């Protein structure tokens, strides 16, 4: 059973930084494309960042380019999202997901990130 557990969310002021982590158990993360999604209140879920399986190739939604960085530590089976220069509109529940062809997508439970002064 693949399980994903996010941590590191919280309250941060505009312009601040926060890092969230996703620890994966039950499988090896380098087999998966790892993604961070977010869902703001009343809005659709949005794909924020991805890091592709067996590589360090990354992809970001336009609104976070240059501010967010996704990375993966295969030894710790953990994926991170470093968020800098945070804005009010980054407030959301952030979810980690693991996907690969032939498997269902696995999701974490989410962690709240609130950007507010």
N, C-alpha and C. Protein backbone atom coordinates (compact mmCIF):
# COMPACT_ATOMS: atom_id res chain seq x y z
N UNK A 1 0.84 -1.19 0.00
CA UNK A 1 0.00 0.00 0.00
C UNK A 1 0.89 1.25 0.00
N UNK A 2 0.73 2.06 -1.03
CA UNK A 2 1.49 3.30 -1.12
C UNK A 2 0.78 4.37 -0.31
N UNK A 3 1.53 5.02 0.56
CA UNK A 3 0.97 6.10 1.37
C UNK A 3 1.83 7.33 1.26
N UNK A 4 1.18 8.49 1.22
CA UNK A 4 1.86 9.77 1.14
C UNK A 4 1.41 10.62 2.34
N UNK A 5 2.37 11.21 3.01
CA UNK A 5 2.06 12.05 4.16
C UNK A 5 2.78 13.39 4.00
N UNK A 6 1.98 14.46 3.90
CA UNK A 6 2.54 15.79 3.78
C UNK A 6 2.76 16.41 5.16
N UNK A 7 3.70 17.33 5.20
CA UNK A 7 3.94 18.09 6.42
C UNK A 7 4.56 19.43 6.05
N UNK A 8 4.57 20.34 7.01
CA UNK A 8 5.29 21.59 6.83
C UNK A 8 4.43 22.79 6.49
N UNK A 9 3.14 22.61 6.35
CA UNK A 9 2.30 23.76 6.07
C UNK A 9 2.21 24.68 7.28
N UNK A 10 1.58 25.82 7.09
CA UNK A 10 1.43 26.75 8.20
C UNK A 10 1.06 28.13 7.73
N UNK A 11 1.26 29.08 8.62
CA UNK A 11 0.94 30.48 8.36
C UNK A 11 2.24 31.24 8.10
N UNK A 12 2.24 32.01 7.03
CA UNK A 12 3.42 32.79 6.68
C UNK A 12 2.97 34.14 6.14
N UNK A 13 3.78 35.16 6.37
CA UNK A 13 3.46 36.49 5.88
C UNK A 13 3.75 36.61 4.39
N UNK A 14 3.08 37.50 3.70
CA UNK A 14 3.40 37.73 2.28
C UNK A 14 4.88 38.07 2.12
N UNK A 15 5.47 37.47 1.10
CA UNK A 15 6.89 37.65 0.86
C UNK A 15 7.76 36.64 1.57
N UNK A 16 7.17 35.87 2.45
CA UNK A 16 7.92 34.88 3.21
C UNK A 16 8.11 33.57 2.47
N UNK A 17 8.74 32.64 3.17
CA UNK A 17 9.05 31.34 2.59
C UNK A 17 8.52 30.22 3.46
N UNK A 18 8.26 29.11 2.81
CA UNK A 18 7.78 27.93 3.51
C UNK A 18 8.16 26.72 2.68
N UNK A 19 8.47 25.63 3.35
CA UNK A 19 8.76 24.38 2.65
C UNK A 19 7.81 23.30 3.13
N UNK A 20 7.23 22.58 2.21
CA UNK A 20 6.39 21.45 2.55
C UNK A 20 7.06 20.17 2.04
N UNK A 21 6.82 19.09 2.75
CA UNK A 21 7.44 17.82 2.41
C UNK A 21 6.39 16.73 2.28
N UNK A 22 6.72 15.72 1.51
CA UNK A 22 5.81 14.58 1.31
C UNK A 22 6.65 13.31 1.42
N UNK A 23 6.40 12.55 2.47
CA UNK A 23 7.10 11.29 2.67
C UNK A 23 6.27 10.15 2.12
N UNK A 24 6.88 9.34 1.30
CA UNK A 24 6.19 8.23 0.65
C UNK A 24 6.63 6.91 1.28
N UNK A 25 5.68 6.06 1.57
CA UNK A 25 5.98 4.72 2.07
C UNK A 25 5.27 3.70 1.19
N UNK A 26 5.81 2.48 1.16
CA UNK A 26 5.19 1.40 0.40
C UNK A 26 5.68 1.29 -1.03
N UNK A 27 6.51 2.20 -1.47
CA UNK A 27 7.07 2.12 -2.81
C UNK A 27 8.27 3.06 -2.89
N UNK A 28 8.85 3.15 -4.07
CA UNK A 28 10.05 3.96 -4.29
C UNK A 28 9.68 5.15 -5.16
N UNK A 29 9.96 6.35 -4.68
CA UNK A 29 9.42 7.52 -5.36
C UNK A 29 10.05 7.75 -6.74
N UNK A 30 11.24 7.23 -6.96
CA UNK A 30 11.84 7.50 -8.26
C UNK A 30 11.12 6.77 -9.39
N UNK A 31 10.26 5.82 -9.03
CA UNK A 31 9.44 5.14 -10.04
C UNK A 31 8.28 6.01 -10.51
N UNK A 32 8.00 7.07 -9.76
CA UNK A 32 6.80 7.86 -9.97
C UNK A 32 7.13 9.28 -10.41
N UNK A 33 6.22 9.85 -11.18
CA UNK A 33 6.19 11.30 -11.33
C UNK A 33 5.52 11.84 -10.08
N UNK A 34 6.24 12.69 -9.38
CA UNK A 34 5.72 13.28 -8.13
C UNK A 34 5.22 14.69 -8.41
N UNK A 35 4.05 14.99 -7.88
CA UNK A 35 3.41 16.26 -8.17
C UNK A 35 2.93 16.92 -6.88
N UNK A 36 2.90 18.24 -6.93
CA UNK A 36 2.23 19.03 -5.90
C UNK A 36 1.05 19.74 -6.56
N UNK A 37 -0.10 19.56 -5.96
CA UNK A 37 -1.32 20.26 -6.37
C UNK A 37 -1.74 21.17 -5.23
N UNK A 38 -2.63 22.09 -5.53
CA UNK A 38 -3.24 22.89 -4.49
C UNK A 38 -4.69 23.16 -4.82
N UNK A 39 -5.45 23.37 -3.77
CA UNK A 39 -6.85 23.74 -3.94
C UNK A 39 -7.16 24.87 -2.97
N UNK A 40 -7.43 26.01 -3.53
CA UNK A 40 -7.86 27.15 -2.72
C UNK A 40 -9.35 27.05 -2.47
N UNK A 41 -9.81 27.71 -1.43
CA UNK A 41 -11.21 27.63 -1.05
C UNK A 41 -12.10 28.08 -2.21
N UNK A 42 -13.03 27.23 -2.57
CA UNK A 42 -13.98 27.57 -3.63
C UNK A 42 -13.45 27.46 -5.04
N UNK A 43 -12.24 26.92 -5.18
CA UNK A 43 -11.64 26.83 -6.51
C UNK A 43 -11.32 25.38 -6.88
N UNK A 44 -11.03 25.17 -8.15
CA UNK A 44 -10.65 23.85 -8.63
C UNK A 44 -9.22 23.52 -8.20
N UNK A 45 -8.96 22.23 -8.13
CA UNK A 45 -7.59 21.79 -7.84
C UNK A 45 -6.67 22.19 -8.99
N UNK A 46 -5.48 22.62 -8.64
CA UNK A 46 -4.52 23.14 -9.63
C UNK A 46 -3.19 22.40 -9.49
N UNK A 47 -2.65 21.98 -10.62
CA UNK A 47 -1.32 21.38 -10.62
C UNK A 47 -0.29 22.49 -10.48
N UNK A 48 0.56 22.40 -9.49
CA UNK A 48 1.52 23.45 -9.19
C UNK A 48 2.91 23.10 -9.73
N UNK A 49 3.37 21.89 -9.45
CA UNK A 49 4.73 21.52 -9.83
C UNK A 49 4.83 20.00 -9.97
N UNK A 50 5.73 19.58 -10.84
CA UNK A 50 5.99 18.15 -11.03
C UNK A 50 7.48 17.91 -11.16
N UNK A 51 7.89 16.72 -10.71
CA UNK A 51 9.24 16.24 -10.99
C UNK A 51 9.08 14.82 -11.52
N UNK A 52 9.66 14.59 -12.69
CA UNK A 52 9.35 13.38 -13.43
C UNK A 52 10.19 12.19 -12.97
N UNK A 53 9.62 11.01 -13.16
CA UNK A 53 10.26 9.79 -12.71
C UNK A 53 11.60 9.58 -13.40
N UNK A 54 12.54 9.03 -12.67
CA UNK A 54 13.88 8.69 -13.18
C UNK A 54 14.62 9.90 -13.74
N UNK A 55 14.25 11.08 -13.31
CA UNK A 55 14.91 12.27 -13.81
C UNK A 55 14.80 13.40 -12.81
N UNK A 56 15.45 14.49 -13.15
CA UNK A 56 15.31 15.72 -12.36
C UNK A 56 14.57 16.77 -13.15
N UNK A 57 13.92 16.37 -14.21
CA UNK A 57 13.13 17.31 -15.01
C UNK A 57 11.93 17.75 -14.22
N UNK A 58 11.72 19.05 -14.22
CA UNK A 58 10.62 19.64 -13.46
C UNK A 58 9.73 20.48 -14.37
N UNK A 59 8.53 20.72 -13.85
CA UNK A 59 7.54 21.52 -14.58
C UNK A 59 6.74 22.30 -13.56
N UNK A 60 6.42 23.56 -13.90
CA UNK A 60 5.70 24.43 -12.97
C UNK A 60 4.56 25.14 -13.68
N UNK A 61 3.52 25.43 -12.91
CA UNK A 61 2.49 26.32 -13.42
C UNK A 61 3.10 27.72 -13.50
N UNK A 62 2.64 28.50 -14.46
CA UNK A 62 3.25 29.80 -14.73
C UNK A 62 3.29 30.70 -13.50
N UNK A 63 2.26 30.65 -12.69
CA UNK A 63 2.14 31.60 -11.57
C UNK A 63 3.17 31.37 -10.46
N UNK A 64 3.85 30.21 -10.46
CA UNK A 64 4.83 29.95 -9.40
C UNK A 64 6.26 29.86 -9.93
N UNK A 65 6.42 29.98 -11.23
CA UNK A 65 7.77 29.89 -11.81
C UNK A 65 8.68 30.96 -11.22
N UNK A 66 9.88 30.52 -10.84
CA UNK A 66 10.83 31.45 -10.25
C UNK A 66 10.65 31.64 -8.76
N UNK A 67 9.55 31.15 -8.20
CA UNK A 67 9.29 31.29 -6.76
C UNK A 67 9.28 29.94 -6.05
N UNK A 68 8.77 28.91 -6.70
CA UNK A 68 8.66 27.58 -6.09
C UNK A 68 9.68 26.64 -6.72
N UNK A 69 10.17 25.71 -5.91
CA UNK A 69 11.09 24.69 -6.40
C UNK A 69 10.67 23.33 -5.87
N UNK A 70 10.47 22.39 -6.77
CA UNK A 70 10.18 21.01 -6.38
C UNK A 70 11.47 20.21 -6.45
N UNK A 71 11.67 19.35 -5.47
CA UNK A 71 12.86 18.51 -5.47
C UNK A 71 12.51 17.16 -4.83
N UNK A 72 13.42 16.23 -5.04
CA UNK A 72 13.16 14.87 -4.56
C UNK A 72 14.43 14.31 -3.93
N UNK A 73 14.29 13.68 -2.78
CA UNK A 73 15.39 12.99 -2.13
C UNK A 73 15.05 11.51 -2.15
N UNK A 74 15.66 10.80 -3.09
CA UNK A 74 15.33 9.39 -3.25
C UNK A 74 15.74 8.56 -2.03
N UNK A 75 16.82 8.94 -1.40
CA UNK A 75 17.28 8.19 -0.22
C UNK A 75 16.27 8.28 0.92
N UNK A 76 15.59 9.42 1.01
CA UNK A 76 14.59 9.61 2.07
C UNK A 76 13.18 9.33 1.58
N UNK A 77 13.06 9.00 0.29
CA UNK A 77 11.74 8.74 -0.30
C UNK A 77 10.80 9.92 -0.04
N UNK A 78 11.33 11.12 -0.23
CA UNK A 78 10.61 12.34 0.13
C UNK A 78 10.70 13.34 -1.02
N UNK A 79 9.60 14.03 -1.26
CA UNK A 79 9.59 15.11 -2.24
C UNK A 79 9.25 16.40 -1.50
N UNK A 80 9.87 17.48 -1.93
CA UNK A 80 9.73 18.77 -1.26
C UNK A 80 9.17 19.81 -2.23
N UNK A 81 8.56 20.82 -1.65
CA UNK A 81 8.19 22.01 -2.41
C UNK A 81 8.64 23.21 -1.58
N UNK A 82 9.67 23.88 -2.07
CA UNK A 82 10.17 25.09 -1.44
C UNK A 82 9.43 26.27 -2.07
N UNK A 83 8.79 27.06 -1.23
CA UNK A 83 7.97 28.17 -1.70
C UNK A 83 8.53 29.47 -1.17
N UNK A 84 8.96 30.34 -2.07
CA UNK A 84 9.51 31.64 -1.72
C UNK A 84 8.62 32.74 -2.26
N UNK A 85 8.82 33.93 -1.73
CA UNK A 85 8.06 35.11 -2.18
C UNK A 85 6.57 34.81 -2.23
N UNK A 86 6.08 34.24 -1.14
CA UNK A 86 4.69 33.81 -1.11
C UNK A 86 3.73 34.99 -1.18
N UNK A 87 2.60 34.73 -1.81
CA UNK A 87 1.56 35.74 -2.03
C UNK A 87 0.25 35.26 -1.41
N UNK A 88 -0.64 36.20 -1.19
CA UNK A 88 -1.96 35.84 -0.65
C UNK A 88 -2.61 34.74 -1.50
N UNK A 89 -2.46 34.85 -2.80
CA UNK A 89 -3.12 33.89 -3.71
C UNK A 89 -2.50 32.50 -3.68
N UNK A 90 -1.41 32.32 -2.96
CA UNK A 90 -0.84 30.98 -2.79
C UNK A 90 -1.53 30.22 -1.65
N UNK A 91 -2.40 30.90 -0.93
CA UNK A 91 -3.12 30.24 0.16
C UNK A 91 -3.98 29.11 -0.39
N UNK A 92 -3.79 27.92 0.16
CA UNK A 92 -4.50 26.74 -0.34
C UNK A 92 -4.12 25.54 0.51
N UNK A 93 -4.84 24.45 0.29
CA UNK A 93 -4.39 23.16 0.79
C UNK A 93 -3.51 22.55 -0.30
N UNK A 94 -2.33 22.15 0.10
CA UNK A 94 -1.36 21.59 -0.85
C UNK A 94 -1.34 20.07 -0.70
N UNK A 95 -1.46 19.40 -1.84
CA UNK A 95 -1.51 17.94 -1.87
C UNK A 95 -0.34 17.39 -2.67
N UNK A 96 0.20 16.31 -2.20
CA UNK A 96 1.23 15.57 -2.90
C UNK A 96 0.57 14.40 -3.63
N UNK A 97 1.08 14.06 -4.83
CA UNK A 97 0.54 12.94 -5.59
C UNK A 97 1.67 12.19 -6.26
N UNK A 98 1.48 10.88 -6.38
CA UNK A 98 2.45 10.01 -7.05
C UNK A 98 1.72 9.28 -8.18
N UNK A 99 2.29 9.32 -9.38
CA UNK A 99 1.62 8.68 -10.50
C UNK A 99 2.63 8.01 -11.43
N UNK A 100 2.18 6.94 -12.05
CA UNK A 100 2.95 6.28 -13.09
C UNK A 100 1.97 5.45 -13.92
N UNK A 101 2.30 5.19 -15.17
CA UNK A 101 1.39 4.42 -16.03
C UNK A 101 1.06 3.06 -15.44
N UNK A 102 -0.22 2.72 -15.47
CA UNK A 102 -0.65 1.41 -15.01
C UNK A 102 -1.02 1.36 -13.55
N UNK A 103 -0.71 2.43 -12.81
CA UNK A 103 -1.05 2.48 -11.39
C UNK A 103 -2.08 3.57 -11.16
N UNK A 104 -2.87 3.44 -10.10
CA UNK A 104 -3.72 4.57 -9.72
C UNK A 104 -2.83 5.71 -9.21
N UNK A 105 -3.35 6.91 -9.22
CA UNK A 105 -2.63 8.02 -8.62
C UNK A 105 -2.85 7.98 -7.11
N UNK A 106 -1.76 8.09 -6.39
CA UNK A 106 -1.81 8.08 -4.93
C UNK A 106 -1.74 9.52 -4.43
N UNK A 107 -2.53 9.80 -3.39
CA UNK A 107 -2.65 11.17 -2.86
C UNK A 107 -2.35 11.19 -1.37
N UNK A 108 -1.78 12.31 -0.96
CA UNK A 108 -1.66 12.57 0.45
C UNK A 108 -2.92 13.24 0.97
N UNK A 109 -2.91 13.51 2.27
CA UNK A 109 -4.11 14.07 2.91
C UNK A 109 -4.17 15.59 2.80
N UNK A 110 -3.05 16.22 2.42
CA UNK A 110 -3.02 17.66 2.25
C UNK A 110 -2.47 18.38 3.47
N UNK A 111 -1.89 19.53 3.20
CA UNK A 111 -1.40 20.40 4.27
C UNK A 111 -1.76 21.84 3.94
N UNK A 112 -2.26 22.56 4.93
CA UNK A 112 -2.75 23.93 4.71
C UNK A 112 -1.58 24.91 4.70
N UNK A 113 -1.56 25.74 3.68
CA UNK A 113 -0.63 26.87 3.61
C UNK A 113 -1.46 28.14 3.57
N UNK A 114 -1.22 29.01 4.52
CA UNK A 114 -1.95 30.28 4.59
C UNK A 114 -0.96 31.43 4.55
N UNK A 115 -1.16 32.31 3.58
CA UNK A 115 -0.31 33.49 3.43
C UNK A 115 -1.13 34.71 3.85
N UNK A 116 -0.75 35.29 4.97
CA UNK A 116 -1.53 36.39 5.52
C UNK A 116 -0.67 37.24 6.43
N UNK A 117 -0.98 38.53 6.45
CA UNK A 117 -0.28 39.42 7.38
C UNK A 117 -1.10 39.60 8.65
